[in-house]
Every structure is written in C-alpha cells, then in structure tokens.
Amino acid sequence: MGTPLELNRNNYHCIEVEQRELIFHIPSSALFELDSTGRKVIDFFEANGSGADYSALTAECADDELDNTIAELCSLDILRAPGTVEQAKPPIALKSVPLTTVVLNINTGCNLSCSYCYKEDLATPSNGIKMDYDTAIGSIEMLLKESPNQPRYNVVFFGGEPLSHLPLIKKVIAYCEQRFGELGKLVDFSMTTNATLLNEQTIRYLDQHNVGIAVSIDGPKALHDKNRITVGGKGTYETVAKKVGLLLSNYRSRPVGARVTLTTGVTDIHTIWDHLFNELGFAEVGFAPVTSGDLPEYNLSNEELAAVFSNMKALGEKYLEAALRNENIGFSNLHQLLTDLHIGRKKTLPCGAGVGMVAVDHAGGVNLCHRFTGSDLPLFGDIKQGVDRPALNQFLNERVEKAEQGCNTCRIRNLCAGGCYHESYAKYNEPTKPTFHYCDLMRDWVDFGVSVYAQIMAQNPSFYDTHITPRGAQQ
C-alpha cells in the first residue's frame, strides 16, 4: 500500500473544455491539462476517500507515471496526508503602506444629477465643495512620504465631475510632473468623467499630459437618458455622444474606455456594447451592475442579475470568437478576468483599497477608496498625520478573517477575495462582510472565464502576448 493520502478538495476544480480534461489549481490560479493517469488518480480518490490504498492503480498505470502524478499532485497540495491541518494565515501588519495611487476627490459638485449615483457626498454644482490646492499637494506629499521607494505612482482625479475643477487639475499635474521628475519617478494621471465639459482645448491638454480617461455612459440614447440627466431633468445623451466623438477624434495618448452602470430593467449587454464599441468607437466597455444601491428601485432583481451574467457570457462567446482571430473586442469585464488568470493573480484582499490606493476627500481625510468619501465609514488618517496604519491593519484583518469564514472553501477565492467593500457596505452596512448575494453567479462567471482562457491558449496563444501581457504589466 502507498502512503495514505486524501484529496484537498478546496485546492482544485476540474472542468472539461472541448473534450479536454483540465484542472484549475485554485491557490495559484493556474490551469493544467490532465493526462489519463492524472484523471484516473483524481477519480480514484474522489470515489474512495481518505486513506484509500491507491496501489490498485498500478494495474492501470505505469509505475513511473503513477509515482510522478502522485508527486505532482502532492506538490500542488491537491493530494495530502489525511488530517492535514491548514496553517493559519499570518495577520496583515502593515508597517508601511505600499501606496502607489491616490484618488483626489476634487469636487463634490456635479453638473449632472444621475438618479442612481452612489456618491455619498454628491452635491449640485452650486453646493459643491472643491478641494483646495494645499490639500491636493498635501495628498501628493503624503503619498510620497508613506511609500517613497515606488518606481511609479498614480494620481486619479475624481468627483462629482472632476472637469468642473479643471484649474486645480492643471496645477496638480504641473506640480507632480516637476516633483516626481526631480525624484526620478514616473507618474500617471487618470480620471472618470461624464464628458459633458470636454472641449477641444481641454482634450488637447489631457492628451499632451497623457491623462487616462474613462467616460461614464450607459449606452444608446434611450438607456442613457433614463438615468443620466441634468440637474433640470433633461437627458444628456446627445451632448455626451457629441463630446465623445470630439474626444476620440483628438485624443491619442491612451485607449478610452466606457463605464456602464446597469440598473433595474437593463440587462441587454450586447446592444449596449455594440453601440459603444462599434458605433461610438470606445476601445473598451465595462459593465457595473447595481445590486445594493441606497435607492432599491434602481437595484437589479435577482432574476435581472442572473440575466446580466447570462448575457455577459453570450458577449464573452463573441469575445472568444474574435480572440481566436487575434482581435480584441473591448469587453473589459472578461478581458480583466483573463488578465488575472494569465498573470496568476492571487488575492488575499479584493482590491488595492487601503493598501495600494487611498482616496482623499476635500477636507484632507484619508478614505478607504473613492466610493467611501462622505460616508459614515471612519477615516483612516489625514494628509497631515498620514495613514492610520493600526486602524487600517484592523480593518483589513477583519475582512480577511470574515472572508476566510465564508470563502476559504470557494474555488474563486483568490480571484474574488470576498468582493467589493462598498458593495458590502451598501448591502449589509458592513464593509468587511463578503458579497454573498451573488456568489453563485460569480463562480459561474469565473468558470466561464477559465474555459475561454483555455480555449484561447489552445488555439491562439499569441493573443495573450498581443492583448493581455501588456495590460498585466501595467497593473
């Protein structure tokens, strides 16, 4: 009898892609093809349980193949000694915060009045509170003080509508270009805008300074004008579409992406993507379903959310067809998942909020991310005193511990890590709680992504060199 072994079912997930047997190694997010011996070993232990005498397999498998397969599965911790106790993860203890990104919430005011807006501190233009120059520069200096040894930094301008405070943007960019240049550091700038305030002069400026741009737009006119309206209640599609045309005709620095918010009644992913990608000409289109907003009438129902994911998979099939032709159709939700799989991303936390990135509000308070500015969630320091590392450590460990309670057996735990903090905050009033309300849909989506990844890798691996690897290197 061989050494007693058992399957660690928490570390693998078997899938079949075009009659190929594959195993998804959960800890590393890696994908392996099972040969006949590997399939027999997995099947044997799944059928016979812990401590089974696998010497019976010697009648079906060559000794060296069986030994090598057993050794490989043990090295991946898919097979292990019975009763093996998982080692507890050490607590997160940030002695310094490895910040690379600061989000400047430069104006709480917005010239639009989108009905579903999640911003906790949103105000009308006349009531907007603008960040002053000293606070903005103090935020930059805090970034450098907290993490002086990073080779590259990111400054994000956010609102309200950030272009409503363009003078500050220009002053901050001028300061950063000189300050980071003197230090021999690289600095990137980006913003999310509703596009209504763009003009040729502003676009030329943003292009000259390589400012990355994402545009909030919800699709064709009928869908966009449903919720994205002016303070006076008028639809904004005609203005936005015109400004997007001007932007895409004159801006060359980076690909421009569209960010789509999906609310109740809106599930037709393909029509929205087709309009924004093929008709307006965006390089990427990403979809954000609303499931836990403050106004329940805008939240997708369970049935609608299931329809959204189903339609995302249908668009994903179109993405796959294009990828096999070595084309990228700009479906950023799937593109990001494939990037995570390709670079072997392993998440302990769902995103960089509080670790690689913080957001500073107009008063200089340090927030977990831009979605929390103005919320009741306590601050994590300020630009004068710096990041409150003990409070941040406590928060992050609460999330890790609670995620472990609910997620430690989940096959997508290293790609999800419990989901968005703000989504949990809005849904459960507890940002450390995982987003349990769409776990099954997320598992199915990741399974789909793994299948797409495997098909592209088998039939056109050069797609990853052309379209995925450059993106992963930037993250």
Protein backbone atom coordinates (compact mmCIF):
# COMPACT_ATOMS: atom_id res chain seq x y z
CA MET A 1 0.00 0.00 0.00
CA GLY A 2 1.27 3.51 -0.81
CA THR A 3 1.46 6.32 1.72
CA PRO A 4 -2.11 7.17 2.81
CA LEU A 5 -3.36 10.29 1.02
CA GLU A 6 -6.55 12.25 0.58
CA LEU A 7 -7.79 14.90 -1.82
CA ASN A 8 -7.72 18.51 -0.72
CA ARG A 9 -10.94 19.43 -2.48
CA ASN A 10 -10.50 23.12 -1.64
CA ASN A 11 -7.49 23.44 -3.93
CA TYR A 12 -8.75 22.25 -7.30
CA HIS A 13 -11.67 22.38 -9.69
CA CYS A 14 -12.00 20.07 -12.69
CA ILE A 15 -13.51 21.34 -15.92
CA GLU A 16 -13.91 19.98 -19.43
CA VAL A 17 -13.19 22.25 -22.39
CA GLU A 18 -13.79 20.88 -25.88
CA GLN A 19 -13.34 17.29 -24.66
CA ARG A 20 -10.10 18.17 -22.85
CA GLU A 21 -9.81 17.38 -19.13
CA LEU A 22 -8.44 20.39 -17.25
CA ILE A 23 -7.76 21.10 -13.61
CA PHE A 24 -7.88 24.62 -12.20
CA HIS A 25 -5.34 24.94 -9.37
CA ILE A 26 -7.08 27.37 -7.03
CA PRO A 27 -4.12 28.62 -4.91
CA SER A 28 -2.12 29.70 -7.98
CA SER A 29 -4.99 30.40 -10.42
CA ALA A 30 -3.11 28.13 -12.83
CA LEU A 31 -4.66 25.76 -15.33
CA PHE A 32 -3.29 22.29 -16.15
CA GLU A 33 -4.37 19.63 -18.60
CA LEU A 34 -4.96 16.23 -17.04
CA ASP A 35 -3.49 13.24 -18.81
CA SER A 36 -5.15 9.86 -18.48
CA THR A 37 -3.11 8.97 -15.38
CA GLY A 38 -3.99 12.26 -13.67
CA ARG A 39 -7.68 11.73 -14.41
CA LYS A 40 -7.56 8.19 -13.01
CA VAL A 41 -5.85 9.37 -9.82
CA ILE A 42 -8.37 12.15 -9.24
CA ASP A 43 -11.30 9.82 -9.97
CA PHE A 44 -9.88 7.15 -7.64
CA PHE A 45 -9.54 9.46 -4.64
CA GLU A 46 -12.88 11.13 -5.28
CA ALA A 47 -14.53 7.71 -5.24
CA ASN A 48 -12.59 6.11 -2.37
CA GLY A 49 -11.97 8.97 0.04
CA SER A 50 -9.27 9.47 2.64
CA GLY A 51 -6.54 6.92 3.19
CA ALA A 52 -7.53 4.71 0.27
CA ASP A 53 -4.99 2.15 -0.98
CA TYR A 54 -4.10 3.64 -4.34
CA SER A 55 -1.71 0.76 -5.11
CA ALA A 56 -4.67 -0.71 -7.00
CA LEU A 57 -3.95 1.91 -9.66
CA THR A 58 -0.69 0.18 -10.56
CA ALA A 59 -2.70 -2.27 -12.63
CA GLU A 60 -3.97 0.62 -14.78
CA CYS A 61 -0.99 2.98 -14.79
CA ALA A 62 2.72 2.54 -15.37
CA ASP A 63 4.63 2.77 -12.07
CA ASP A 64 6.73 5.78 -13.05
CA GLU A 65 3.71 7.66 -14.44
CA LEU A 66 1.71 6.97 -11.30
CA ASP A 67 4.57 8.00 -8.99
CA ASN A 68 5.19 11.21 -10.94
CA THR A 69 1.49 12.11 -10.99
CA ILE A 70 1.11 11.45 -7.25
CA ALA A 71 4.20 13.57 -6.54
CA GLU A 72 2.98 16.41 -8.71
CA LEU A 73 -0.47 16.46 -7.13
CA CYS A 74 1.15 16.45 -3.68
CA SER A 75 3.40 19.37 -4.64
CA LEU A 76 0.27 21.29 -5.62
CA ASP A 77 -1.38 20.34 -2.30
CA ILE A 78 -4.19 18.65 -4.20
CA LEU A 79 -3.19 15.39 -2.53
CA ARG A 80 -2.03 15.47 1.07
CA ALA A 81 -1.71 13.33 4.18
CA PRO A 82 -5.07 12.62 5.85
CA GLY A 83 -5.96 15.03 8.62
CA THR A 84 -3.53 17.72 7.50
CA VAL A 85 -4.35 20.93 9.34
CA GLU A 86 -4.37 24.15 7.35
CA GLN A 87 -1.81 26.62 8.59
CA ALA A 88 -3.39 29.84 9.80
CA LYS A 89 -2.57 32.83 7.66
CA PRO A 90 -0.46 35.38 9.48
CA PRO A 91 -2.33 38.58 10.25
CA ILE A 92 -1.82 41.55 7.99
CA ALA A 93 0.53 44.03 9.66
CA LEU A 94 1.37 47.00 7.51
CA LYS A 95 4.49 48.61 8.91
CA SER A 96 4.31 50.95 5.98
CA VAL A 97 1.57 51.38 3.41
CA PRO A 98 2.83 50.49 -0.09
CA LEU A 99 0.74 53.17 -1.71
CA THR A 100 1.11 53.79 -5.40
CA THR A 101 -2.21 55.54 -6.05
CA VAL A 102 -4.02 58.47 -4.52
CA VAL A 103 -7.52 59.43 -5.62
CA LEU A 104 -8.25 63.13 -5.23
CA ASN A 105 -11.94 63.85 -4.71
CA ILE A 106 -11.55 67.36 -6.09
CA ASN A 107 -15.20 68.43 -6.18
CA THR A 108 -18.32 67.05 -4.55
CA GLY A 109 -20.37 69.02 -7.07
CA CYS A 110 -21.57 67.56 -10.36
CA ASN A 111 -23.32 69.23 -13.28
CA LEU A 112 -25.46 66.11 -13.73
CA SER A 113 -27.97 64.51 -11.41
CA CYS A 114 -27.78 60.82 -12.25
CA SER A 115 -30.61 59.10 -10.43
CA TYR A 116 -28.59 56.10 -9.27
CA CYS A 117 -25.37 57.87 -8.20
CA TYR A 118 -23.62 56.07 -5.33
CA LYS A 119 -21.55 59.08 -4.24
CA GLU A 120 -22.12 59.68 -0.55
CA ASP A 121 -21.06 63.36 -0.76
CA LEU A 122 -22.56 64.32 -4.10
CA ALA A 123 -23.83 67.90 -4.37
CA THR A 124 -25.28 70.14 -7.05
CA PRO A 125 -22.83 72.48 -8.79
CA SER A 126 -23.82 75.43 -6.64
CA ASN A 127 -23.33 73.43 -3.44
CA GLY A 128 -20.21 71.53 -4.45
CA ILE A 129 -17.17 71.70 -2.18
CA LYS A 130 -13.94 71.98 -4.13
CA MET A 131 -10.61 70.67 -2.91
CA ASP A 132 -8.08 73.47 -2.49
CA TYR A 133 -4.53 73.44 -3.83
CA ASP A 134 -2.86 72.92 -0.45
CA THR A 135 -4.98 69.83 0.26
CA ALA A 136 -4.21 68.38 -3.16
CA ILE A 137 -0.47 68.93 -2.79
CA GLY A 138 -0.59 67.62 0.77
CA SER A 139 -2.12 64.43 -0.61
CA ILE A 140 0.73 64.04 -3.09
CA GLU A 141 3.32 64.58 -0.38
CA MET A 142 1.57 62.06 1.88
CA LEU A 143 1.75 59.54 -0.95
CA LEU A 144 5.49 60.06 -1.26
CA LYS A 145 6.06 60.02 2.49
CA GLU A 146 4.11 56.80 3.03
CA SER A 147 5.80 54.96 0.17
CA PRO A 148 8.95 56.73 -1.02
CA ASN A 149 10.51 53.77 -2.81
CA GLN A 150 7.95 53.05 -5.51
CA PRO A 151 9.12 53.45 -9.12
CA ARG A 152 5.75 54.63 -10.43
CA TYR A 153 2.79 56.49 -8.94
CA ASN A 154 -0.77 57.24 -10.00
CA VAL A 155 -2.85 60.32 -9.34
CA VAL A 156 -6.57 59.97 -10.05
CA PHE A 157 -8.96 62.93 -10.32
CA PHE A 158 -12.48 62.17 -9.18
CA GLY A 159 -15.73 63.92 -8.32
CA GLY A 160 -18.63 64.74 -8.68
CA GLU A 161 -17.42 65.77 -12.06
CA PRO A 162 -13.64 66.34 -11.93
CA LEU A 163 -13.56 68.58 -15.01
CA SER A 164 -15.67 71.10 -13.10
CA HIS A 165 -12.44 71.85 -11.21
CA LEU A 166 -10.08 71.90 -14.17
CA PRO A 167 -7.87 74.72 -12.83
CA LEU A 168 -6.86 72.54 -9.88
CA ILE A 169 -6.21 69.56 -12.16
CA LYS A 170 -3.77 71.64 -14.21
CA LYS A 171 -1.96 72.94 -11.14
CA VAL A 172 -1.64 69.44 -9.64
CA ILE A 173 -0.33 68.00 -12.89
CA ALA A 174 2.27 70.76 -13.18
CA TYR A 175 3.38 70.17 -9.59
CA CYS A 176 3.56 66.39 -10.00
CA GLU A 177 5.46 66.47 -13.25
CA GLN A 178 8.14 68.59 -11.64
CA ARG A 179 8.14 66.90 -8.23
CA PHE A 180 8.22 63.29 -9.44
CA GLY A 181 10.62 64.20 -12.24
CA GLU A 182 13.11 65.60 -9.73
CA LEU A 183 12.90 62.32 -7.82
CA GLY A 184 13.43 60.23 -10.93
CA LYS A 185 9.97 58.73 -10.52
CA LEU A 186 7.22 58.13 -13.07
CA VAL A 187 3.72 59.47 -12.51
CA ASP A 188 0.47 58.70 -14.34
CA PHE A 189 -2.78 60.66 -14.26
CA SER A 190 -6.32 59.47 -14.89
CA MET A 191 -9.94 60.47 -14.40
CA THR A 192 -13.51 59.32 -14.83
CA THR A 193 -15.71 61.96 -16.44
CA ASN A 194 -19.26 62.35 -17.73
CA ALA A 195 -17.68 64.05 -20.80
CA THR A 196 -20.13 66.96 -20.88
CA LEU A 197 -17.47 69.59 -20.10
CA LEU A 198 -14.95 68.43 -22.68
CA ASN A 199 -13.88 70.80 -25.45
CA GLU A 200 -11.04 70.85 -27.95
CA GLN A 201 -8.73 72.85 -25.69
CA THR A 202 -9.28 70.57 -22.69
CA ILE A 203 -8.88 67.43 -24.78
CA ARG A 204 -5.65 68.77 -26.22
CA TYR A 205 -4.36 69.47 -22.70
CA LEU A 206 -5.31 66.00 -21.41
CA ASP A 207 -3.66 64.41 -24.44
CA GLN A 208 -0.45 66.41 -24.01
CA HIS A 209 -0.17 65.29 -20.39
CA ASN A 210 -1.13 61.66 -21.03
CA VAL A 211 -4.15 61.74 -18.72
CA GLY A 212 -6.07 58.46 -18.90
CA ILE A 213 -9.80 58.92 -19.47
CA ALA A 214 -12.82 56.76 -18.72
CA VAL A 215 -16.27 58.03 -19.68
CA SER A 216 -19.46 57.23 -17.77
CA ILE A 217 -22.10 56.45 -20.38
CA ASP A 218 -24.93 53.94 -20.27
CA GLY A 219 -25.43 53.05 -23.93
CA PRO A 220 -27.82 54.19 -26.66
CA LYS A 221 -29.95 57.29 -26.13
CA ALA A 222 -33.00 55.61 -24.59
CA LEU A 223 -30.93 53.79 -21.98
CA HIS A 224 -28.51 56.62 -21.24
CA ASP A 225 -31.23 59.25 -20.85
CA LYS A 226 -33.17 57.01 -18.48
CA ASN A 227 -30.91 57.91 -15.54
CA ARG A 228 -28.06 60.17 -16.69
CA ILE A 229 -29.83 63.51 -16.59
CA THR A 230 -29.07 67.14 -15.87
CA VAL A 231 -29.99 68.85 -12.63
CA GLY A 232 -33.03 70.13 -14.53
CA GLY A 233 -34.07 66.60 -15.51
CA LYS A 234 -33.09 66.57 -19.19
CA GLY A 235 -31.34 63.65 -20.85
CA THR A 236 -27.67 64.08 -21.68
CA TYR A 237 -27.03 61.52 -24.43
CA GLU A 238 -26.85 63.95 -27.35
CA THR A 239 -24.31 66.11 -25.54
CA VAL A 240 -22.24 63.17 -24.33
CA ALA A 241 -22.19 61.43 -27.72
CA LYS A 242 -21.06 64.64 -29.40
CA LYS A 243 -18.29 65.18 -26.84
CA VAL A 244 -17.19 61.54 -27.09
CA GLY A 245 -16.84 61.96 -30.85
CA LEU A 246 -14.70 65.04 -30.27
CA LEU A 247 -12.62 63.19 -27.68
CA LEU A 248 -11.97 60.09 -29.76
CA SER A 249 -11.07 62.22 -32.80
CA ASN A 250 -8.48 64.30 -30.97
CA TYR A 251 -7.11 62.23 -28.08
CA ARG A 252 -4.35 59.71 -28.82
CA SER A 253 -2.46 59.09 -25.56
CA ARG A 254 -4.31 56.01 -24.30
CA PRO A 255 -7.31 53.84 -25.13
CA VAL A 256 -10.52 55.45 -23.87
CA GLY A 257 -12.93 53.18 -22.02
CA ALA A 258 -16.66 53.42 -21.35
CA ARG A 259 -18.08 52.59 -17.93
CA VAL A 260 -21.71 51.41 -17.99
CA THR A 261 -23.96 51.27 -14.94
CA LEU A 262 -26.69 48.63 -15.16
CA THR A 263 -29.88 49.34 -13.22
CA THR A 264 -33.23 47.62 -12.96
CA GLY A 265 -34.68 46.70 -16.32
CA VAL A 266 -31.34 46.98 -18.13
CA THR A 267 -29.81 43.62 -19.00
CA ASP A 268 -29.13 43.79 -22.76
CA ILE A 269 -25.35 43.71 -22.60
CA HIS A 270 -24.79 43.08 -26.30
CA THR A 271 -26.81 46.06 -27.57
CA ILE A 272 -25.02 48.43 -25.20
CA TRP A 273 -21.58 47.05 -26.05
CA ASP A 274 -22.32 47.16 -29.79
CA HIS A 275 -23.35 50.82 -29.64
CA LEU A 276 -20.43 51.96 -27.52
CA PHE A 277 -17.73 49.86 -29.21
CA ASN A 278 -18.82 49.70 -32.84
CA GLU A 279 -20.81 52.92 -33.23
CA LEU A 280 -19.20 55.42 -30.87
CA GLY A 281 -15.74 53.84 -31.03
CA PHE A 282 -14.68 53.25 -27.42
CA ALA A 283 -11.68 50.96 -27.00
CA GLU A 284 -13.20 49.15 -24.01
CA VAL A 285 -16.64 48.79 -22.46
CA GLY A 286 -17.06 47.69 -18.84
CA PHE A 287 -20.31 46.90 -17.03
CA ALA A 288 -21.13 47.59 -13.37
CA PRO A 289 -24.39 46.00 -12.17
CA VAL A 290 -26.21 47.84 -9.37
CA THR A 291 -27.30 45.35 -6.73
CA SER A 292 -27.16 47.25 -3.46
CA GLY A 293 -27.62 50.95 -4.04
CA ASP A 294 -29.25 53.22 -1.48
CA LEU A 295 -32.35 53.52 -3.71
CA PRO A 296 -33.75 49.99 -4.01
CA GLU A 297 -35.86 50.86 -7.05
CA TYR A 298 -32.65 51.02 -9.12
CA ASN A 299 -31.21 47.72 -7.92
CA LEU A 300 -31.31 44.76 -10.30
CA SER A 301 -33.58 41.98 -9.10
CA ASN A 302 -32.15 38.51 -8.64
CA GLU A 303 -33.69 37.47 -11.95
CA GLU A 304 -32.28 40.54 -13.73
CA LEU A 305 -28.83 40.00 -12.25
CA ALA A 306 -28.88 36.40 -13.48
CA ALA A 307 -29.87 37.70 -16.92
CA VAL A 308 -26.96 40.17 -16.84
CA PHE A 309 -24.45 37.39 -16.17
CA SER A 310 -26.03 35.18 -18.81
CA ASN A 311 -25.77 37.99 -21.35
CA MET A 312 -22.20 38.70 -20.30
CA LYS A 313 -21.37 35.08 -21.13
CA ALA A 314 -23.06 35.49 -24.53
CA LEU A 315 -20.89 38.53 -25.24
CA GLY A 316 -17.96 36.52 -23.91
CA GLU A 317 -18.55 33.95 -26.64
CA LYS A 318 -18.26 36.77 -29.17
CA TYR A 319 -15.04 37.87 -27.43
CA LEU A 320 -13.72 34.32 -27.77
CA GLU A 321 -14.50 34.20 -31.49
CA ALA A 322 -12.64 37.47 -32.01
CA ALA A 323 -9.69 36.38 -29.84
CA LEU A 324 -9.21 33.29 -31.99
CA ARG A 325 -8.82 35.74 -34.89
CA ASN A 326 -6.33 37.66 -32.72
CA GLU A 327 -8.77 40.54 -32.25
CA ASN A 328 -9.87 42.23 -29.03
CA ILE A 329 -13.46 43.49 -28.98
CA GLY A 330 -13.00 45.53 -25.83
CA PHE A 331 -15.23 43.63 -23.37
CA SER A 332 -13.28 44.74 -20.31
CA ASN A 333 -15.03 42.55 -17.69
CA LEU A 334 -13.84 39.38 -19.43
CA HIS A 335 -10.56 40.94 -20.53
CA GLN A 336 -9.69 41.72 -16.91
CA LEU A 337 -10.57 38.20 -15.77
CA LEU A 338 -8.33 36.71 -18.46
CA THR A 339 -5.56 39.07 -17.39
CA ASP A 340 -5.89 37.88 -13.78
CA LEU A 341 -5.72 34.25 -14.91
CA HIS A 342 -2.80 34.82 -17.24
CA ILE A 343 -0.60 36.56 -14.69
CA GLY A 344 -1.66 34.15 -11.92
CA ARG A 345 -3.16 36.78 -9.66
CA LYS A 346 -3.71 35.56 -6.10
CA LYS A 347 -5.83 37.88 -3.99
CA THR A 348 -5.99 37.94 -0.23
CA LEU A 349 -7.98 41.16 -0.41
CA PRO A 350 -10.48 42.08 -3.13
CA CYS A 351 -8.66 45.18 -4.40
CA GLY A 352 -5.94 47.67 -3.57
CA ALA A 353 -8.17 49.89 -1.43
CA GLY A 354 -6.32 50.75 1.76
CA VAL A 355 -3.14 49.04 0.60
CA GLY A 356 -2.05 50.26 -2.82
CA MET A 357 -4.61 53.04 -3.02
CA VAL A 358 -6.46 55.50 -0.80
CA ALA A 359 -8.80 58.38 -1.57
CA VAL A 360 -8.52 61.86 -0.10
CA ASP A 361 -11.64 63.96 0.37
CA HIS A 362 -11.92 67.74 0.04
CA ALA A 363 -11.01 68.20 3.72
CA GLY A 364 -7.87 66.05 3.53
CA GLY A 365 -9.33 62.95 5.16
CA VAL A 366 -7.97 59.55 4.09
CA ASN A 367 -10.76 57.24 2.91
CA LEU A 368 -10.61 53.55 2.05
CA CYS A 369 -11.45 54.37 -1.58
CA HIS A 370 -13.24 57.00 -3.65
CA ARG A 371 -16.61 55.32 -3.12
CA PHE A 372 -16.46 56.00 0.61
CA THR A 373 -15.77 59.75 0.61
CA GLY A 374 -18.63 61.37 2.51
CA SER A 375 -19.83 58.09 4.02
CA ASP A 376 -20.13 57.20 7.69
CA LEU A 377 -17.17 54.81 7.50
CA PRO A 378 -14.44 56.20 9.78
CA LEU A 379 -11.43 57.80 8.15
CA PHE A 380 -8.02 56.15 8.10
CA GLY A 381 -5.98 59.22 8.88
CA ASP A 382 -5.48 62.53 7.13
CA ILE A 383 -2.88 64.16 4.92
CA LYS A 384 -1.17 65.91 7.84
CA GLN A 385 -0.87 62.95 10.22
CA GLY A 386 -0.58 60.34 7.48
CA VAL A 387 -2.30 56.98 7.13
CA ASP A 388 -3.60 55.48 10.37
CA ARG A 389 -1.88 52.13 9.98
CA PRO A 390 -3.24 50.47 13.17
CA ALA A 391 -6.82 51.24 12.12
CA LEU A 392 -6.13 50.10 8.59
CA ASN A 393 -4.50 46.86 9.79
CA GLN A 394 -7.51 46.13 11.98
CA PHE A 395 -9.94 46.75 9.12
CA LEU A 396 -8.04 44.59 6.62
CA ASN A 397 -7.69 41.73 9.10
CA GLU A 398 -11.40 41.81 9.85
CA ARG A 399 -12.05 41.40 6.13
CA VAL A 400 -9.53 38.56 5.78
CA GLU A 401 -10.91 36.72 8.79
CA LYS A 402 -14.53 37.07 7.71
CA ALA A 403 -13.66 36.14 4.15
CA GLU A 404 -11.98 33.00 5.48
CA GLN A 405 -15.11 32.08 7.42
CA GLY A 406 -17.25 32.30 4.33
CA CYS A 407 -14.83 31.87 1.44
CA ASN A 408 -11.99 29.55 2.39
CA THR A 409 -13.51 26.62 0.50
CA CYS A 410 -14.62 28.61 -2.54
CA ARG A 411 -12.92 27.84 -5.84
CA ILE A 412 -12.73 31.51 -6.85
CA ARG A 413 -11.43 32.79 -3.52
CA ASN A 414 -8.14 34.02 -4.99
CA LEU A 415 -9.87 35.86 -7.83
CA CYS A 416 -12.68 37.39 -5.76
CA ALA A 417 -11.48 37.57 -2.14
CA GLY A 418 -14.97 38.44 -0.95
CA GLY A 419 -15.91 41.19 -3.39
CA CYS A 420 -16.17 44.99 -3.27
CA TYR A 421 -16.01 46.69 0.14
CA HIS A 422 -18.52 49.35 -0.84
CA GLU A 423 -20.91 46.78 -2.28
CA SER A 424 -20.91 45.04 1.11
CA TYR A 425 -21.21 48.37 2.91
CA ALA A 426 -24.26 49.33 0.85
CA LYS A 427 -25.86 45.88 1.07
CA TYR A 428 -25.09 44.88 4.67
CA ASN A 429 -23.82 48.12 6.24
CA GLU A 430 -20.63 46.21 6.95
CA PRO A 431 -17.72 46.63 4.51
CA THR A 432 -15.81 43.64 5.87
CA LYS A 433 -18.59 41.19 5.00
CA PRO A 434 -18.21 39.28 1.70
CA THR A 435 -20.73 39.95 -1.07
CA PHE A 436 -22.61 36.71 -0.54
CA HIS A 437 -25.64 37.86 -2.55
CA TYR A 438 -24.15 36.92 -5.92
CA CYS A 439 -21.53 34.29 -5.09
CA ASP A 440 -23.06 31.59 -7.31
CA LEU A 441 -23.20 33.93 -10.29
CA MET A 442 -19.57 34.93 -9.77
CA ARG A 443 -18.46 31.29 -9.56
CA ASP A 444 -20.25 30.52 -12.80
CA TRP A 445 -18.71 33.62 -14.45
CA VAL A 446 -15.19 32.63 -13.40
CA ASP A 447 -15.78 29.06 -14.61
CA PHE A 448 -16.77 30.55 -17.95
CA GLY A 449 -13.66 32.72 -17.97
CA VAL A 450 -11.43 29.72 -17.25
CA SER A 451 -13.00 27.87 -20.17
CA VAL A 452 -12.46 30.84 -22.50
CA TYR A 453 -8.89 31.19 -21.28
CA ALA A 454 -8.16 27.53 -22.01
CA GLN A 455 -9.68 27.67 -25.50
CA ILE A 456 -7.65 30.73 -26.47
CA MET A 457 -4.49 29.21 -25.02
CA ALA A 458 -5.02 26.02 -27.04
CA GLN A 459 -5.98 27.65 -30.34
CA ASN A 460 -4.33 31.09 -30.42
CA PRO A 461 -1.86 31.65 -27.55
CA SER A 462 -0.35 34.66 -29.34
CA PHE A 463 -3.48 36.58 -28.33
CA TYR A 464 -2.09 36.79 -24.81
CA ASP A 465 1.23 38.21 -25.99
CA THR A 466 -0.54 40.85 -28.07
CA HIS A 467 -3.52 41.83 -25.92
CA ILE A 468 -3.10 40.51 -22.36
CA THR A 469 0.56 40.62 -21.31
CA PRO A 470 0.95 44.39 -21.96
CA ARG A 471 -2.12 45.09 -19.82
CA GLY A 472 -0.92 42.85 -16.98
CA ALA A 473 2.44 44.59 -16.92
CA GLN A 474 0.70 47.91 -16.25
CA GLN A 475 -1.20 46.62 -13.19
